[in-house]
Amino acid sequence: TVSNIVTVKVAEVAGISITPQVPTDAPGNAASYPNDASGTQLVPGPYQSFAGIHLGDIVYFDFIINNIGNDPTQFVIPNTASVNNGTVGQLQIIEYGGTALTNPVNVPTTFGLNTNSTGTLLNGVSGTNNGSIPANGSIKVRVPVIVTSGTGTVSAQLGDTSPAAANPASNQPYQVTGTTDIYTRDNPSPANALPPAADNEVIGTPANGEREASAIASVTIVGQNVSGNVFEDANYGGGSGRSKTAYSGTNVVGATVELYDSFGKFVRSTTTDASGDYTFPAVPVGDFYVRVVNNTVKSNRPGGIATGLLPVQTFLTDAGVTAGTVSPVLDRVGGETPSQSDTDAGAAGAIFSPTSKQFTTAGGTAAVNGYVQSLTKVKVGSVVVAGVDFGYNFDTIVNTNDSGQGSLR
């Protein structure tokens, strides 16, 4: 009997691919957020709680890094990613083998071959095999991005396979192009171990060398600008309100204009420029309120700022019926409740009742039970909303109060 013994030696082969996930908006009420490149926690923008991706939002671009080789490996994680229409934060490893890490692991923002390898980053982290990724195993890397544009798309690219291959690409021969590369790094062979080693590590180096990959994800930014003008109608003499263009109103500079959601919750504020104009950029789709803080409206008359003249609303436009359409409101002289005075400016946390037009929760210097006088609805859809205007006069009497806004004295 003759026996033939055939010995087959399988070469160690490295491989890497990156699978981009659908970008997601960070939660608006998170206890904490990832850091920026300097190590300071990112601050969400005013629209973080609204559906969709908006200017100022923190967006999570997640990428699954797969070991498609036949041997356990480490990955070298870049210290940054390439971003369009956004500012990249500090990268994090958030999953190992499909299981979320209890605490995400921050990737150093200063690149180093050893400090940025999973063998160092995940060393001692429970359930991660000290950063060794088995064949067919994976990790998930998060790229946090602050959106810096109100239109178009925001995108993030993890890895850089140029110039040898187009971006994105999988399992390319590794070529050093900078600190944005993501590639395999073979585990050290266990000393004095016979193949296969205890951790299934094949002795030696991969036959095809180190491999790299790249991937890109993008998402559409939504929202439309809401803008208008605050003006003084110095010659208003009573009766129906008058628009700025019809009666040559003058610009009110430095007035505070506030944006509230449909429930009366403060979103953000801005001030009018030298032309009396204001803009809320990239407002999400939905229903909102725009308010002008009356005590910030100053007269253009000589000494008007210094004398403490009190404004009375004479005109505004309504943009709350059809998205992008504004209509003049001529019968709101004196504001929402002419017998009352407008309260101070709101801030984060402030909430007013759309029914009573009174603040129910304080924020900024707006007092609880304080009244909102200059208020209009705005519906945001697929087009910009312009012409959300407010007009004021400083000698109009709208109540019988002994003093204060709209009174004789």
Protein backbone atom coordinates (compact mmCIF):
# COMPACT_ATOMS: atom_id res chain seq x y z
CA THR A 1 0.00 0.00 0.00
CA VAL A 2 1.37 3.34 -0.94
CA SER A 3 0.15 6.45 0.81
CA ASN A 4 0.61 9.89 -0.65
CA ILE A 5 0.76 12.81 1.73
CA VAL A 6 0.02 16.19 0.23
CA THR A 7 0.82 19.30 2.23
CA VAL A 8 -1.06 22.42 1.22
CA LYS A 9 0.18 25.74 2.47
CA VAL A 10 -2.37 28.55 2.27
CA ALA A 11 -0.86 31.97 1.75
CA GLU A 12 -1.79 34.75 4.12
CA VAL A 13 -3.84 37.28 2.19
CA ALA A 14 -4.87 40.71 3.45
CA GLY A 15 -8.09 42.43 2.38
CA ILE A 16 -10.21 45.42 3.35
CA SER A 17 -13.49 46.94 2.23
CA ILE A 18 -15.57 49.84 3.55
CA THR A 19 -19.37 49.88 3.53
CA PRO A 20 -20.91 53.34 4.02
CA GLN A 21 -24.11 53.52 6.03
CA VAL A 22 -26.97 55.96 5.50
CA PRO A 23 -25.99 59.24 7.22
CA THR A 24 -28.13 60.11 10.22
CA ASP A 25 -28.92 63.30 12.08
CA ALA A 26 -27.59 63.24 15.64
CA PRO A 27 -30.40 63.26 18.24
CA GLY A 28 -31.44 66.71 19.32
CA ASN A 29 -31.56 65.91 23.03
CA ALA A 30 -28.38 63.83 23.43
CA ALA A 31 -26.59 64.04 26.77
CA SER A 32 -23.30 64.45 24.92
CA TYR A 33 -21.90 64.67 21.41
CA PRO A 34 -18.57 63.73 19.81
CA ASN A 35 -15.68 66.19 19.94
CA ASP A 36 -14.41 68.52 17.29
CA ALA A 37 -10.85 68.28 15.98
CA SER A 38 -9.53 70.23 18.97
CA GLY A 39 -11.13 67.91 21.51
CA THR A 40 -14.03 70.22 22.44
CA GLN A 41 -17.52 68.74 22.37
CA LEU A 42 -19.51 69.62 19.27
CA VAL A 43 -22.48 71.93 19.80
CA PRO A 44 -25.64 71.16 17.79
CA GLY A 45 -27.30 73.90 15.77
CA PRO A 46 -30.78 75.32 16.37
CA TYR A 47 -32.46 72.85 14.00
CA GLN A 48 -30.95 69.65 15.43
CA SER A 49 -34.32 68.44 16.77
CA PHE A 50 -36.12 68.92 13.45
CA ALA A 51 -36.52 66.14 10.88
CA GLY A 52 -33.96 66.20 8.07
CA ILE A 53 -30.43 67.53 7.68
CA HIS A 54 -29.98 71.28 8.14
CA LEU A 55 -27.39 73.99 8.42
CA GLY A 56 -25.62 73.64 11.79
CA ASP A 57 -26.74 70.05 12.40
CA ILE A 58 -24.39 67.35 13.66
CA VAL A 59 -24.59 64.47 11.17
CA TYR A 60 -23.19 60.99 11.76
CA PHE A 61 -21.47 59.34 8.81
CA ASP A 62 -20.89 55.72 9.83
CA PHE A 63 -18.68 53.29 7.89
CA ILE A 64 -18.28 49.54 8.42
CA ILE A 65 -14.66 48.46 7.89
CA ASN A 66 -14.55 44.80 6.84
CA ASN A 67 -11.64 42.34 6.97
CA ILE A 68 -12.06 40.47 3.67
CA GLY A 69 -8.70 38.76 3.96
CA ASN A 70 -8.10 35.24 5.30
CA ASP A 71 -6.17 36.21 8.41
CA PRO A 72 -6.79 38.37 11.48
CA THR A 73 -5.53 41.90 11.04
CA GLN A 74 -5.46 45.33 12.57
CA PHE A 75 -6.71 48.42 10.78
CA VAL A 76 -4.95 51.76 10.78
CA ILE A 77 -7.64 54.42 11.22
CA PRO A 78 -7.06 57.91 9.78
CA ASN A 79 -7.15 60.92 12.04
CA THR A 80 -9.62 62.74 9.80
CA ALA A 81 -11.95 62.39 6.81
CA SER A 82 -12.57 64.47 3.70
CA VAL A 83 -15.78 66.49 4.01
CA ASN A 84 -17.76 68.69 1.63
CA ASN A 85 -20.11 71.38 3.00
CA GLY A 86 -19.21 70.49 6.55
CA THR A 87 -16.59 70.52 9.28
CA VAL A 88 -15.32 67.13 10.43
CA GLY A 89 -15.17 66.23 14.11
CA GLN A 90 -13.10 63.62 15.93
CA LEU A 91 -13.51 60.14 14.46
CA GLN A 92 -14.73 57.34 16.74
CA ILE A 93 -14.81 53.54 16.72
CA ILE A 94 -18.34 52.70 17.83
CA GLU A 95 -18.75 48.96 17.05
CA TYR A 96 -16.69 45.78 16.98
CA GLY A 97 -18.03 42.72 15.18
CA GLY A 98 -21.49 44.26 14.92
CA THR A 99 -21.74 44.93 18.68
CA ALA A 100 -21.84 48.51 19.93
CA LEU A 101 -19.03 49.50 22.25
CA THR A 102 -20.15 50.62 25.69
CA ASN A 103 -18.03 53.73 25.26
CA PRO A 104 -17.01 54.90 21.78
CA VAL A 105 -13.24 55.05 21.32
CA ASN A 106 -11.92 58.38 20.08
CA VAL A 107 -9.32 58.28 17.30
CA PRO A 108 -6.38 60.63 18.01
CA THR A 109 -6.51 63.81 15.94
CA THR A 110 -2.73 63.74 15.53
CA PHE A 111 -1.83 60.78 13.34
CA GLY A 112 0.65 58.09 14.39
CA LEU A 113 1.08 54.60 12.96
CA ASN A 114 0.95 52.96 16.36
CA THR A 115 -1.51 55.31 18.08
CA ASN A 116 -4.00 55.07 15.21
CA SER A 117 -3.98 51.29 14.79
CA THR A 118 -6.84 49.27 16.26
CA GLY A 119 -4.28 47.24 18.18
CA THR A 120 -3.57 50.34 20.24
CA LEU A 121 -6.96 52.01 20.14
CA LEU A 122 -8.88 48.91 21.28
CA ASN A 123 -6.22 47.43 23.50
CA GLY A 124 -7.91 46.39 26.73
CA VAL A 125 -11.40 47.28 25.48
CA SER A 126 -13.76 44.46 26.45
CA GLY A 127 -14.99 42.27 23.62
CA THR A 128 -12.60 43.61 20.95
CA ASN A 129 -9.79 41.01 21.05
CA ASN A 130 -7.40 43.91 21.71
CA GLY A 131 -8.07 45.36 18.29
CA SER A 132 -7.43 42.26 16.20
CA ILE A 133 -10.11 41.91 13.53
CA PRO A 134 -10.76 38.28 12.50
CA ALA A 135 -11.31 37.23 8.92
CA ASN A 136 -14.84 38.33 7.95
CA GLY A 137 -14.89 40.53 11.04
CA SER A 138 -15.55 44.26 11.12
CA ILE A 139 -15.54 47.49 13.08
CA LYS A 140 -17.70 50.56 12.61
CA VAL A 141 -16.12 54.01 12.45
CA ARG A 142 -18.16 57.18 12.98
CA VAL A 143 -17.31 60.46 11.25
CA PRO A 144 -19.22 63.31 12.95
CA VAL A 145 -19.76 66.36 10.75
CA ILE A 146 -21.18 69.82 11.40
CA VAL A 147 -23.14 71.01 8.34
CA THR A 148 -21.87 74.40 7.13
CA SER A 149 -24.15 74.97 4.13
CA GLY A 150 -27.86 75.58 3.88
CA THR A 151 -28.21 73.99 0.44
CA GLY A 152 -26.89 71.11 -1.64
CA THR A 153 -25.44 67.98 -0.08
CA VAL A 154 -23.02 67.27 2.73
CA SER A 155 -20.64 64.38 2.18
CA ALA A 156 -17.84 62.54 3.96
CA GLN A 157 -15.15 60.30 2.50
CA LEU A 158 -13.32 57.85 4.73
CA GLY A 159 -9.99 56.68 3.33
CA ASP A 160 -8.11 57.78 0.22
CA THR A 161 -7.23 55.29 -2.51
CA SER A 162 -5.95 57.88 -4.99
CA PRO A 163 -3.95 58.27 -7.15
CA ALA A 164 -3.63 54.57 -8.04
CA ALA A 165 -7.40 54.02 -7.93
CA ALA A 166 -10.44 56.22 -8.02
CA ASN A 167 -12.27 57.07 -4.82
CA PRO A 168 -14.14 55.14 -3.60
CA ALA A 169 -12.43 51.77 -4.03
CA SER A 170 -11.96 48.54 -2.05
CA ASN A 171 -8.95 46.37 -1.37
CA GLN A 172 -6.29 48.33 -3.21
CA PRO A 173 -2.51 48.02 -2.72
CA TYR A 174 -1.64 50.47 0.02
CA GLN A 175 0.08 53.67 -1.11
CA VAL A 176 0.89 56.41 1.32
CA THR A 177 -1.07 59.52 0.40
CA GLY A 178 -1.37 61.19 3.80
CA THR A 179 -3.13 60.81 7.13
CA THR A 180 -6.53 60.12 5.56
CA ASP A 181 -5.61 56.54 4.51
CA ILE A 182 -7.29 53.53 6.12
CA TYR A 183 -5.50 50.24 5.60
CA THR A 184 -4.61 46.81 6.99
CA ARG A 185 -1.75 46.20 9.37
CA ASP A 186 -0.77 42.60 9.94
CA ASN A 187 -0.85 41.30 13.50
CA PRO A 188 2.56 40.38 14.91
CA SER A 189 3.21 36.64 14.67
CA PRO A 190 3.15 34.98 18.12
CA ALA A 191 6.63 34.04 19.25
CA ASN A 192 7.51 30.35 18.85
CA ALA A 193 4.01 29.51 17.65
CA LEU A 194 3.34 26.85 15.07
CA PRO A 195 0.68 27.56 12.44
CA PRO A 196 -2.12 28.05 13.15
CA ALA A 197 -1.41 30.20 16.20
CA ALA A 198 -3.77 30.44 19.13
CA ASP A 199 -5.54 33.49 17.69
CA ASN A 200 -5.58 31.95 14.20
CA GLU A 201 -2.79 34.29 13.15
CA VAL A 202 -0.86 32.93 10.20
CA ILE A 203 2.89 33.21 10.68
CA GLY A 204 4.53 35.68 8.34
CA THR A 205 3.31 38.62 6.31
CA PRO A 206 0.47 38.78 3.77
CA ALA A 207 1.41 37.67 0.29
CA ASN A 208 -0.30 40.72 -1.19
CA GLY A 209 1.06 43.24 1.30
CA GLU A 210 -0.97 45.90 3.06
CA ARG A 211 -4.30 46.85 1.51
CA GLU A 212 -6.38 50.03 1.67
CA ALA A 213 -9.92 51.16 0.85
CA SER A 214 -12.13 54.22 0.70
CA ALA A 215 -15.85 55.01 0.71
CA ILE A 216 -18.08 58.06 0.36
CA ALA A 217 -21.52 58.87 1.75
CA SER A 218 -23.68 61.94 1.19
CA VAL A 219 -27.03 63.32 2.23
CA THR A 220 -29.19 66.22 1.03
CA ILE A 221 -29.43 69.39 3.10
CA VAL A 222 -32.98 70.69 3.47
CA GLY A 223 -34.47 74.02 4.50
CA GLN A 224 -35.28 77.42 3.06
CA ASN A 225 -34.32 80.97 4.01
CA VAL A 226 -36.93 83.06 5.82
CA SER A 227 -36.34 86.78 5.50
CA GLY A 228 -38.02 90.13 5.91
CA ASN A 229 -37.65 93.75 6.94
CA VAL A 230 -38.37 95.87 10.01
CA PHE A 231 -39.21 99.50 9.29
CA GLU A 232 -40.51 102.71 10.81
CA ASP A 233 -43.60 104.37 9.34
CA ALA A 234 -42.96 107.80 10.86
CA ASN A 235 -45.92 109.47 9.14
CA TYR A 236 -48.55 106.90 9.94
CA GLY A 237 -51.71 108.76 10.94
CA GLY A 238 -54.11 106.01 11.91
CA GLY A 239 -56.35 103.57 10.11
CA SER A 240 -55.13 100.53 8.21
CA GLY A 241 -51.49 99.53 8.40
CA ARG A 242 -49.15 100.51 5.59
CA SER A 243 -46.29 98.65 3.90
CA LYS A 244 -42.78 100.05 3.72
CA THR A 245 -42.76 100.46 -0.04
CA ALA A 246 -46.16 102.14 -0.19
CA TYR A 247 -45.27 104.93 2.25
CA SER A 248 -41.46 105.16 2.15
CA GLY A 249 -40.79 103.64 5.53
CA THR A 250 -37.28 103.93 6.98
CA ASN A 251 -35.01 101.09 8.01
CA VAL A 252 -34.85 99.94 11.63
CA VAL A 253 -31.31 98.79 12.40
CA GLY A 254 -30.39 96.34 15.17
CA ALA A 255 -33.89 95.07 15.99
CA THR A 256 -34.01 91.58 17.47
CA VAL A 257 -36.05 89.09 15.45
CA GLU A 258 -36.83 85.65 16.87
CA LEU A 259 -37.90 82.33 15.36
CA TYR A 260 -40.19 79.93 17.25
CA ASP A 261 -41.54 76.52 16.29
CA SER A 262 -45.24 75.74 15.85
CA PHE A 263 -45.58 75.07 19.59
CA GLY A 264 -44.10 78.42 20.58
CA LYS A 265 -40.66 77.08 21.52
CA PHE A 266 -37.68 79.35 20.92
CA VAL A 267 -35.44 78.23 18.04
CA ARG A 268 -33.04 81.08 17.31
CA SER A 269 -32.72 84.85 16.91
CA THR A 270 -31.01 87.39 14.70
CA THR A 271 -30.86 91.18 14.25
CA THR A 272 -31.70 93.51 11.40
CA ASP A 273 -28.89 94.98 9.31
CA ALA A 274 -28.34 98.52 8.01
CA SER A 275 -31.20 98.04 5.55
CA GLY A 276 -33.57 96.80 8.23
CA ASP A 277 -33.35 93.33 6.72
CA TYR A 278 -33.00 90.01 8.56
CA THR A 279 -32.63 86.39 7.45
CA PHE A 280 -33.03 83.02 9.12
CA PRO A 281 -31.01 80.71 6.87
CA ALA A 282 -32.07 77.19 5.90
CA VAL A 283 -35.15 76.91 8.13
CA PRO A 284 -36.60 73.36 8.18
CA VAL A 285 -39.83 72.47 6.44
CA GLY A 286 -42.79 73.10 8.73
CA ASP A 287 -44.74 75.81 10.55
CA PHE A 288 -43.03 78.55 12.56
CA TYR A 289 -43.58 81.92 14.18
CA VAL A 290 -41.46 85.03 13.65
CA ARG A 291 -41.42 87.61 16.41
CA VAL A 292 -39.89 91.10 16.67
CA VAL A 293 -38.88 92.17 20.18
CA ASN A 294 -40.48 95.59 20.42
CA ASN A 295 -38.09 97.17 22.90
CA THR A 296 -35.26 96.66 20.40
CA VAL A 297 -37.08 98.68 17.72
CA LYS A 298 -35.62 102.22 17.78
CA SER A 299 -36.92 105.35 16.05
CA ASN A 300 -34.94 107.06 13.32
CA ARG A 301 -36.06 110.48 14.57
CA PRO A 302 -33.33 112.71 15.99
CA GLY A 303 -32.70 111.44 19.51
CA GLY A 304 -35.10 108.54 18.97
CA ILE A 305 -32.72 105.98 20.39
CA ALA A 306 -31.83 108.02 23.45
CA THR A 307 -35.29 109.28 24.41
CA GLY A 308 -36.81 105.84 24.94
CA LEU A 309 -39.70 106.24 22.51
CA LEU A 310 -41.92 103.15 22.57
CA PRO A 311 -42.86 101.53 19.25
CA VAL A 312 -46.35 100.45 18.27
CA GLN A 313 -46.82 97.87 15.55
CA THR A 314 -48.73 99.20 12.57
CA PHE A 315 -48.08 96.60 9.88
CA LEU A 316 -46.98 93.01 9.31
CA THR A 317 -47.27 90.27 6.74
CA ASP A 318 -48.66 86.76 7.16
CA ALA A 319 -46.71 83.85 5.61
CA GLY A 320 -48.49 81.02 7.36
CA VAL A 321 -51.02 79.84 4.80
CA THR A 322 -49.12 78.78 1.68
CA ALA A 323 -45.38 78.09 1.73
CA GLY A 324 -43.49 80.94 0.09
CA THR A 325 -46.50 83.28 -0.09
CA VAL A 326 -46.87 86.39 2.09
CA SER A 327 -49.94 88.57 2.51
CA PRO A 328 -50.23 92.03 4.10
CA VAL A 329 -52.03 92.28 7.44
CA LEU A 330 -53.51 95.76 7.78
CA ASP A 331 -55.73 95.32 10.86
CA ARG A 332 -53.15 94.37 13.52
CA VAL A 333 -52.28 97.90 14.62
CA GLY A 334 -51.14 97.73 18.22
CA GLY A 335 -49.99 94.12 18.00
CA GLU A 336 -51.57 90.92 19.26
CA THR A 337 -52.90 92.44 22.51
CA PRO A 338 -52.88 96.27 22.25
CA SER A 339 -53.67 96.75 25.94
CA GLN A 340 -50.43 95.02 26.93
CA SER A 341 -46.73 95.72 26.47
CA ASP A 342 -44.37 93.42 24.63
CA THR A 343 -42.07 91.43 26.92
CA ASP A 344 -38.29 91.15 26.61
CA ALA A 345 -36.23 88.94 24.31
CA GLY A 346 -36.47 85.17 24.55
CA ALA A 347 -33.67 82.63 24.40
CA ALA A 348 -33.14 78.87 24.47
CA GLY A 349 -35.84 77.27 26.65
CA ALA A 350 -38.40 80.04 26.24
CA ILE A 351 -41.90 78.92 25.24
CA PHE A 352 -45.00 81.02 24.60
CA SER A 353 -48.57 79.87 24.14
CA PRO A 354 -49.76 80.35 20.54
CA THR A 355 -53.27 80.72 21.98
CA SER A 356 -52.78 83.32 24.73
CA LYS A 357 -49.62 84.88 23.20
CA GLN A 358 -48.03 84.77 26.65
CA PHE A 359 -44.82 83.07 27.71
CA THR A 360 -45.39 79.93 29.76
CA THR A 361 -41.69 79.09 30.23
CA ALA A 362 -38.99 81.68 30.81
CA GLY A 363 -35.89 81.94 28.66
CA GLY A 364 -33.49 84.83 28.19
CA THR A 365 -35.18 87.88 29.73
CA ALA A 366 -38.68 86.99 28.54
CA ALA A 367 -40.87 86.79 31.65
CA VAL A 368 -43.42 84.11 32.38
CA ASN A 369 -46.87 85.50 31.50
CA GLY A 370 -45.17 88.24 29.46
CA TYR A 371 -46.97 89.10 26.23
CA VAL A 372 -45.81 88.69 22.64
CA GLN A 373 -47.01 91.64 20.58
CA SER A 374 -45.38 91.41 17.13
CA LEU A 375 -45.89 87.88 15.85
CA THR A 376 -46.66 86.26 12.52
CA LYS A 377 -46.91 82.73 11.17
CA VAL A 378 -44.55 81.31 8.57
CA LYS A 379 -45.00 78.11 6.60
CA VAL A 380 -41.75 76.72 5.14
CA GLY A 381 -41.83 74.35 2.17
CA SER A 382 -39.78 73.92 -0.97
CA VAL A 383 -39.23 77.62 -1.76
CA VAL A 384 -37.74 80.59 0.08
CA VAL A 385 -39.98 82.75 2.20
CA ALA A 386 -39.27 86.46 1.72
CA GLY A 387 -41.11 89.62 2.72
CA VAL A 388 -41.96 88.71 6.32
CA ASP A 389 -42.10 92.38 7.30
CA PHE A 390 -43.01 94.41 10.39
CA GLY A 391 -43.77 98.15 10.54
CA TYR A 392 -43.83 100.53 13.55
CA ASN A 393 -44.84 104.06 14.54
CA PHE A 394 -43.88 105.89 17.71
CA ASP A 395 -46.90 108.19 18.36
CA THR A 396 -49.82 105.85 17.82
CA ILE A 397 -52.25 105.40 20.75
CA VAL A 398 -53.92 101.99 20.95
CA ASN A 399 -55.04 101.74 24.60
CA THR A 400 -56.24 103.76 27.59
CA ASN A 401 -53.37 102.77 29.88
CA ASP A 402 -51.85 105.44 32.08
CA SER A 403 -48.37 104.69 30.72
CA GLY A 404 -46.38 102.29 28.64
CA GLN A 405 -46.46 101.02 25.08
CA GLY A 406 -49.32 102.45 23.00
CA SER A 407 -50.58 104.78 25.74
CA LEU A 408 -51.10 108.53 25.69
CA ARG A 409 -48.21 109.13 28.09
